[in-house]
Amino acid sequence: MHSAQAIATIEASAPNYQVNLQVDAHVLTGDEPASLGGADRGPEPFAFVLCGLASCTAATLRMYAGRKGWDLGQIRVFATFEKLGHVRFILREVAVGRELAEAERAQLAELCERTPVTLFLKGTTSIETIFR
């Protein structure tokens, strides 16, 4: 089983919504855009979700292609999040650096729908909160 740990801290002296993030050994900064009262010093929360989806998609495709002996060239995953009323929608566009046969394209498109983060976002995840 894969696990990760994230810690978010906002210092009392920090500008509005600037969040110091630690994900395992990595240090990041999150914020809100200026239009929402932040200083735009880092990605907003849904951008991190999109990064996880795009990263997982690209890595999964690279892994699969390697096992098949396919050289896909550069893999580029572009993801956007939209909220229209009560409907939330993620659009993911995938491009690779070489021409694909239709069968290859279909296999890779199907694989995109089964990446771990895709399944996580489409499924139900229980969240338990302990407030201290």
N, C-alpha and C. Protein backbone atom coordinates (compact mmCIF):
# COMPACT_ATOMS: atom_id res chain seq x y z
N MET A 1 0.84 -1.19 0.00
CA MET A 1 0.00 0.00 0.00
C MET A 1 0.88 1.24 0.00
N HIS A 2 0.55 2.18 -0.82
CA HIS A 2 1.28 3.44 -0.89
C HIS A 2 0.67 4.43 0.10
N SER A 3 1.51 5.19 0.76
CA SER A 3 0.98 6.21 1.66
C SER A 3 1.82 7.47 1.53
N ALA A 4 1.24 8.57 1.87
CA ALA A 4 1.93 9.86 1.86
C ALA A 4 1.44 10.63 3.07
N GLN A 5 2.24 11.58 3.49
CA GLN A 5 1.87 12.42 4.62
C GLN A 5 2.06 13.87 4.22
N ALA A 6 1.07 14.69 4.50
CA ALA A 6 1.15 16.12 4.21
C ALA A 6 0.85 16.90 5.48
N ILE A 7 1.61 17.96 5.69
CA ILE A 7 1.40 18.85 6.83
C ILE A 7 1.27 20.26 6.27
N ALA A 8 0.22 20.95 6.65
CA ALA A 8 0.00 22.35 6.24
C ALA A 8 0.04 23.23 7.48
N THR A 9 0.80 24.33 7.39
CA THR A 9 0.94 25.26 8.51
C THR A 9 0.78 26.68 8.00
N ILE A 10 -0.06 27.45 8.67
CA ILE A 10 -0.15 28.89 8.39
C ILE A 10 0.34 29.60 9.64
N GLU A 11 1.40 30.35 9.49
CA GLU A 11 1.94 31.12 10.61
C GLU A 11 1.05 32.33 10.86
N ALA A 12 0.97 32.77 12.12
CA ALA A 12 0.14 33.94 12.47
C ALA A 12 0.58 35.18 11.70
N SER A 13 1.87 35.28 11.40
CA SER A 13 2.40 36.45 10.71
C SER A 13 2.39 36.31 9.19
N ALA A 14 1.91 35.18 8.67
CA ALA A 14 1.91 34.94 7.22
C ALA A 14 0.89 35.82 6.52
N PRO A 15 1.19 36.20 5.28
CA PRO A 15 0.20 36.95 4.49
C PRO A 15 -1.04 36.08 4.27
N ASN A 16 -2.20 36.63 4.56
CA ASN A 16 -3.51 35.97 4.42
C ASN A 16 -3.50 34.46 4.36
N TYR A 17 -3.45 33.88 3.19
CA TYR A 17 -3.69 32.45 3.03
C TYR A 17 -2.45 31.66 2.62
N GLN A 18 -1.28 32.25 2.77
CA GLN A 18 -0.05 31.54 2.40
C GLN A 18 0.16 30.37 3.36
N VAL A 19 0.28 29.18 2.80
CA VAL A 19 0.40 27.95 3.58
C VAL A 19 1.75 27.31 3.31
N ASN A 20 2.45 26.97 4.38
CA ASN A 20 3.69 26.20 4.26
C ASN A 20 3.30 24.73 4.26
N LEU A 21 3.75 24.01 3.26
CA LEU A 21 3.37 22.61 3.11
C LEU A 21 4.60 21.73 3.17
N GLN A 22 4.47 20.61 3.84
CA GLN A 22 5.51 19.60 3.81
C GLN A 22 4.86 18.30 3.42
N VAL A 23 5.33 17.71 2.33
CA VAL A 23 4.84 16.44 1.84
C VAL A 23 6.02 15.49 1.86
N ASP A 24 6.00 14.58 2.83
CA ASP A 24 7.15 13.71 3.06
C ASP A 24 8.40 14.60 3.18
N ALA A 25 9.39 14.49 2.30
CA ALA A 25 10.62 15.28 2.42
C ALA A 25 10.58 16.56 1.59
N HIS A 26 9.44 16.90 0.98
CA HIS A 26 9.35 18.04 0.06
C HIS A 26 8.65 19.22 0.73
N VAL A 27 9.18 20.41 0.49
CA VAL A 27 8.61 21.63 1.05
C VAL A 27 8.01 22.44 -0.10
N LEU A 28 6.76 22.85 0.07
CA LEU A 28 6.03 23.58 -0.96
C LEU A 28 5.32 24.77 -0.31
N THR A 29 4.80 25.66 -1.14
CA THR A 29 4.00 26.78 -0.68
C THR A 29 2.66 26.76 -1.40
N GLY A 30 1.60 26.92 -0.67
CA GLY A 30 0.28 27.04 -1.25
C GLY A 30 -0.29 28.41 -0.92
N ASP A 31 -1.21 28.88 -1.72
CA ASP A 31 -1.81 30.19 -1.49
C ASP A 31 -3.12 30.25 -2.27
N GLU A 32 -3.79 31.33 -2.16
CA GLU A 32 -4.98 31.61 -2.96
C GLU A 32 -4.63 32.73 -3.93
N PRO A 33 -5.32 32.81 -5.05
CA PRO A 33 -5.06 33.91 -5.98
C PRO A 33 -5.47 35.25 -5.37
N ALA A 34 -4.93 36.32 -5.91
CA ALA A 34 -5.25 37.66 -5.40
C ALA A 34 -6.75 37.93 -5.45
N SER A 35 -7.43 37.38 -6.45
CA SER A 35 -8.88 37.60 -6.57
C SER A 35 -9.67 37.02 -5.41
N LEU A 36 -9.04 36.09 -4.65
CA LEU A 36 -9.70 35.50 -3.48
C LEU A 36 -9.06 35.96 -2.17
N GLY A 37 -8.24 37.01 -2.24
CA GLY A 37 -7.64 37.57 -1.03
C GLY A 37 -6.26 37.06 -0.70
N GLY A 38 -5.71 36.18 -1.52
CA GLY A 38 -4.36 35.68 -1.29
C GLY A 38 -3.33 36.55 -1.98
N ALA A 39 -2.10 36.11 -1.94
CA ALA A 39 -1.01 36.84 -2.61
C ALA A 39 -0.47 36.06 -3.80
N ASP A 40 -1.09 34.95 -4.14
CA ASP A 40 -0.70 34.12 -5.29
C ASP A 40 0.77 33.71 -5.22
N ARG A 41 1.23 33.34 -4.02
CA ARG A 41 2.62 32.94 -3.83
C ARG A 41 2.84 31.44 -4.05
N GLY A 42 1.79 30.75 -4.40
CA GLY A 42 1.86 29.32 -4.67
C GLY A 42 0.54 28.87 -5.24
N PRO A 43 0.47 27.62 -5.67
CA PRO A 43 -0.78 27.10 -6.22
C PRO A 43 -1.89 27.09 -5.18
N GLU A 44 -3.12 27.22 -5.67
CA GLU A 44 -4.28 27.10 -4.78
C GLU A 44 -4.60 25.61 -4.62
N PRO A 45 -5.40 25.24 -3.64
CA PRO A 45 -5.59 23.82 -3.33
C PRO A 45 -6.01 22.93 -4.50
N PHE A 46 -6.96 23.37 -5.33
CA PHE A 46 -7.38 22.51 -6.44
C PHE A 46 -6.27 22.34 -7.48
N ALA A 47 -5.34 23.28 -7.56
CA ALA A 47 -4.21 23.13 -8.48
C ALA A 47 -3.32 21.97 -8.05
N PHE A 48 -3.17 21.79 -6.74
CA PHE A 48 -2.40 20.65 -6.25
C PHE A 48 -3.09 19.33 -6.62
N VAL A 49 -4.42 19.32 -6.56
CA VAL A 49 -5.17 18.12 -6.96
C VAL A 49 -4.91 17.83 -8.43
N LEU A 50 -4.97 18.87 -9.27
CA LEU A 50 -4.72 18.70 -10.70
C LEU A 50 -3.29 18.22 -10.96
N CYS A 51 -2.33 18.74 -10.19
CA CYS A 51 -0.94 18.29 -10.34
C CYS A 51 -0.82 16.81 -10.02
N GLY A 52 -1.51 16.36 -8.99
CA GLY A 52 -1.49 14.94 -8.66
C GLY A 52 -2.05 14.08 -9.77
N LEU A 53 -3.16 14.52 -10.35
CA LEU A 53 -3.78 13.79 -11.44
C LEU A 53 -2.87 13.76 -12.67
N ALA A 54 -2.33 14.92 -13.04
CA ALA A 54 -1.48 15.00 -14.23
C ALA A 54 -0.19 14.20 -14.04
N SER A 55 0.41 14.31 -12.86
CA SER A 55 1.64 13.59 -12.57
C SER A 55 1.42 12.08 -12.62
N CYS A 56 0.37 11.62 -11.98
CA CYS A 56 0.06 10.19 -11.95
C CYS A 56 -0.23 9.67 -13.36
N THR A 57 -0.96 10.44 -14.14
CA THR A 57 -1.28 10.03 -15.50
C THR A 57 -0.02 9.89 -16.33
N ALA A 58 0.84 10.90 -16.31
CA ALA A 58 2.08 10.86 -17.10
C ALA A 58 2.98 9.70 -16.67
N ALA A 59 3.15 9.52 -15.37
CA ALA A 59 4.02 8.45 -14.87
C ALA A 59 3.46 7.06 -15.20
N THR A 60 2.14 6.91 -15.09
CA THR A 60 1.52 5.62 -15.41
C THR A 60 1.69 5.29 -16.88
N LEU A 61 1.50 6.29 -17.74
CA LEU A 61 1.67 6.06 -19.18
C LEU A 61 3.12 5.70 -19.50
N ARG A 62 4.07 6.40 -18.87
CA ARG A 62 5.49 6.10 -19.09
C ARG A 62 5.81 4.66 -18.66
N MET A 63 5.30 4.27 -17.50
CA MET A 63 5.54 2.93 -16.98
C MET A 63 4.95 1.86 -17.92
N TYR A 64 3.73 2.08 -18.36
CA TYR A 64 3.07 1.13 -19.26
C TYR A 64 3.81 1.04 -20.59
N ALA A 65 4.17 2.18 -21.14
CA ALA A 65 4.88 2.20 -22.42
C ALA A 65 6.22 1.48 -22.30
N GLY A 66 6.91 1.68 -21.18
CA GLY A 66 8.18 1.00 -20.96
C GLY A 66 8.02 -0.51 -20.95
N ARG A 67 6.97 -0.99 -20.32
CA ARG A 67 6.71 -2.43 -20.26
C ARG A 67 6.38 -3.00 -21.64
N LYS A 68 5.73 -2.17 -22.47
CA LYS A 68 5.37 -2.60 -23.82
C LYS A 68 6.53 -2.42 -24.82
N GLY A 69 7.58 -1.70 -24.39
CA GLY A 69 8.68 -1.41 -25.30
C GLY A 69 8.36 -0.29 -26.28
N TRP A 70 7.38 0.56 -25.92
CA TRP A 70 6.99 1.68 -26.78
C TRP A 70 7.76 2.92 -26.36
N ASP A 71 8.27 3.65 -27.31
CA ASP A 71 8.88 4.95 -27.04
C ASP A 71 7.84 6.00 -27.39
N LEU A 72 7.23 6.60 -26.38
CA LEU A 72 6.19 7.60 -26.61
C LEU A 72 6.77 9.00 -26.81
N GLY A 73 8.07 9.17 -26.56
CA GLY A 73 8.63 10.51 -26.57
C GLY A 73 8.12 11.27 -25.36
N GLN A 74 8.00 12.56 -25.50
CA GLN A 74 7.50 13.38 -24.39
C GLN A 74 6.03 13.09 -24.14
N ILE A 75 5.67 12.97 -22.87
CA ILE A 75 4.27 12.81 -22.47
C ILE A 75 3.86 14.10 -21.78
N ARG A 76 2.79 14.70 -22.27
CA ARG A 76 2.30 15.96 -21.70
C ARG A 76 0.84 15.78 -21.30
N VAL A 77 0.55 16.08 -20.03
CA VAL A 77 -0.82 15.96 -19.52
C VAL A 77 -1.24 17.35 -19.05
N PHE A 78 -2.33 17.83 -19.60
CA PHE A 78 -2.87 19.15 -19.28
C PHE A 78 -4.22 18.93 -18.61
N ALA A 79 -4.38 19.42 -17.38
CA ALA A 79 -5.63 19.21 -16.65
C ALA A 79 -6.20 20.55 -16.19
N THR A 80 -7.51 20.70 -16.31
CA THR A 80 -8.19 21.89 -15.83
C THR A 80 -9.39 21.48 -14.98
N PHE A 81 -9.71 22.31 -14.02
CA PHE A 81 -10.84 22.08 -13.13
C PHE A 81 -11.83 23.20 -13.34
N GLU A 82 -13.09 22.85 -13.50
CA GLU A 82 -14.16 23.83 -13.64
C GLU A 82 -15.28 23.49 -12.68
N LYS A 83 -15.92 24.51 -12.17
CA LYS A 83 -17.13 24.31 -11.37
C LYS A 83 -18.20 25.19 -11.98
N LEU A 84 -19.23 24.54 -12.47
CA LEU A 84 -20.34 25.24 -13.10
C LEU A 84 -21.58 24.96 -12.27
N GLY A 85 -21.94 25.92 -11.43
CA GLY A 85 -23.04 25.69 -10.50
C GLY A 85 -22.63 24.62 -9.50
N HIS A 86 -23.38 23.53 -9.45
CA HIS A 86 -23.07 22.43 -8.54
C HIS A 86 -22.29 21.31 -9.22
N VAL A 87 -21.96 21.50 -10.49
CA VAL A 87 -21.26 20.46 -11.24
C VAL A 87 -19.76 20.75 -11.26
N ARG A 88 -18.98 19.77 -10.80
CA ARG A 88 -17.52 19.87 -10.85
C ARG A 88 -17.02 19.00 -11.99
N PHE A 89 -16.02 19.51 -12.71
CA PHE A 89 -15.59 18.83 -13.92
C PHE A 89 -14.08 19.00 -14.10
N ILE A 90 -13.39 17.91 -14.37
CA ILE A 90 -11.96 17.97 -14.70
C ILE A 90 -11.82 17.53 -16.15
N LEU A 91 -11.12 18.33 -16.93
CA LEU A 91 -10.78 17.98 -18.30
C LEU A 91 -9.30 17.65 -18.32
N ARG A 92 -8.96 16.48 -18.82
CA ARG A 92 -7.57 16.05 -18.93
C ARG A 92 -7.27 15.79 -20.40
N GLU A 93 -6.23 16.46 -20.90
CA GLU A 93 -5.78 16.25 -22.28
C GLU A 93 -4.39 15.64 -22.22
N VAL A 94 -4.19 14.58 -22.99
CA VAL A 94 -2.91 13.87 -23.01
C VAL A 94 -2.35 13.91 -24.42
N ALA A 95 -1.07 14.26 -24.52
CA ALA A 95 -0.38 14.25 -25.81
C ALA A 95 0.95 13.55 -25.64
N VAL A 96 1.32 12.78 -26.65
CA VAL A 96 2.62 12.12 -26.63
C VAL A 96 3.42 12.58 -27.85
N GLY A 97 4.73 12.35 -27.79
CA GLY A 97 5.64 12.90 -28.80
C GLY A 97 5.76 12.12 -30.09
N ARG A 98 4.93 11.13 -30.30
CA ARG A 98 4.98 10.41 -31.57
C ARG A 98 3.57 10.02 -32.01
N GLU A 99 3.44 9.70 -33.27
CA GLU A 99 2.15 9.25 -33.80
C GLU A 99 1.84 7.87 -33.24
N LEU A 100 0.58 7.64 -32.92
CA LEU A 100 0.15 6.37 -32.38
C LEU A 100 -0.80 5.67 -33.34
N ALA A 101 -0.71 4.36 -33.37
CA ALA A 101 -1.72 3.58 -34.07
C ALA A 101 -3.01 3.70 -33.27
N GLU A 102 -4.15 3.54 -33.92
CA GLU A 102 -5.43 3.68 -33.23
C GLU A 102 -5.54 2.73 -32.04
N ALA A 103 -5.06 1.50 -32.19
CA ALA A 103 -5.12 0.53 -31.09
C ALA A 103 -4.27 0.99 -29.90
N GLU A 104 -3.10 1.56 -30.16
CA GLU A 104 -2.25 2.09 -29.09
C GLU A 104 -2.94 3.25 -28.38
N ARG A 105 -3.50 4.14 -29.18
CA ARG A 105 -4.21 5.31 -28.63
C ARG A 105 -5.36 4.85 -27.73
N ALA A 106 -6.11 3.87 -28.16
CA ALA A 106 -7.24 3.37 -27.38
C ALA A 106 -6.76 2.72 -26.08
N GLN A 107 -5.66 1.95 -26.13
CA GLN A 107 -5.11 1.33 -24.92
C GLN A 107 -4.67 2.39 -23.93
N LEU A 108 -3.97 3.41 -24.41
CA LEU A 108 -3.48 4.45 -23.51
C LEU A 108 -4.62 5.29 -22.95
N ALA A 109 -5.63 5.58 -23.76
CA ALA A 109 -6.79 6.34 -23.28
C ALA A 109 -7.53 5.56 -22.20
N GLU A 110 -7.66 4.25 -22.39
CA GLU A 110 -8.31 3.41 -21.37
C GLU A 110 -7.48 3.38 -20.10
N LEU A 111 -6.16 3.31 -20.25
CA LEU A 111 -5.27 3.30 -19.10
C LEU A 111 -5.41 4.60 -18.29
N CYS A 112 -5.57 5.72 -18.97
CA CYS A 112 -5.75 7.00 -18.27
C CYS A 112 -6.93 6.95 -17.31
N GLU A 113 -7.97 6.22 -17.67
CA GLU A 113 -9.16 6.12 -16.82
C GLU A 113 -8.95 5.20 -15.62
N ARG A 114 -7.81 4.48 -15.59
CA ARG A 114 -7.56 3.54 -14.50
C ARG A 114 -6.30 3.88 -13.70
N THR A 115 -5.77 5.10 -13.84
CA THR A 115 -4.61 5.45 -13.03
C THR A 115 -5.04 5.56 -11.57
N PRO A 116 -4.12 5.34 -10.64
CA PRO A 116 -4.50 5.39 -9.23
C PRO A 116 -5.18 6.70 -8.80
N VAL A 117 -4.68 7.83 -9.24
CA VAL A 117 -5.30 9.10 -8.82
C VAL A 117 -6.64 9.30 -9.51
N THR A 118 -6.77 8.86 -10.75
CA THR A 118 -8.07 8.94 -11.43
C THR A 118 -9.11 8.15 -10.65
N LEU A 119 -8.77 6.92 -10.28
CA LEU A 119 -9.71 6.08 -9.53
C LEU A 119 -10.02 6.69 -8.17
N PHE A 120 -9.03 7.29 -7.54
CA PHE A 120 -9.23 7.96 -6.26
C PHE A 120 -10.24 9.10 -6.40
N LEU A 121 -10.05 9.93 -7.43
CA LEU A 121 -10.94 11.09 -7.62
C LEU A 121 -12.35 10.66 -8.02
N LYS A 122 -12.47 9.59 -8.77
CA LYS A 122 -13.78 9.12 -9.20
C LYS A 122 -14.49 8.32 -8.12
N GLY A 123 -13.75 7.76 -7.19
CA GLY A 123 -14.32 6.90 -6.18
C GLY A 123 -14.71 7.67 -4.93
N THR A 124 -15.04 6.90 -3.93
CA THR A 124 -15.42 7.47 -2.65
C THR A 124 -14.29 7.21 -1.67
N THR A 125 -13.87 8.25 -1.01
CA THR A 125 -12.81 8.14 -0.01
C THR A 125 -13.35 8.66 1.31
N SER A 126 -13.15 7.90 2.33
CA SER A 126 -13.59 8.31 3.66
C SER A 126 -12.54 9.23 4.27
N ILE A 127 -12.96 10.31 4.85
CA ILE A 127 -12.07 11.24 5.54
C ILE A 127 -12.54 11.36 6.99
N GLU A 128 -11.67 11.06 7.90
CA GLU A 128 -11.96 11.20 9.32
C GLU A 128 -11.16 12.39 9.85
N THR A 129 -11.78 13.26 10.59
CA THR A 129 -11.12 14.44 11.14
C THR A 129 -11.08 14.35 12.65
N ILE A 130 -9.88 14.57 13.19
CA ILE A 130 -9.69 14.67 14.64
C ILE A 130 -9.27 16.11 14.90
N PHE A 131 -10.07 16.86 15.65
CA PHE A 131 -9.80 18.27 15.91
C PHE A 131 -9.27 18.40 17.33
N ARG A 132 -8.04 18.93 17.46
CA ARG A 132 -7.43 19.06 18.79
C ARG A 132 -7.28 20.50 19.19
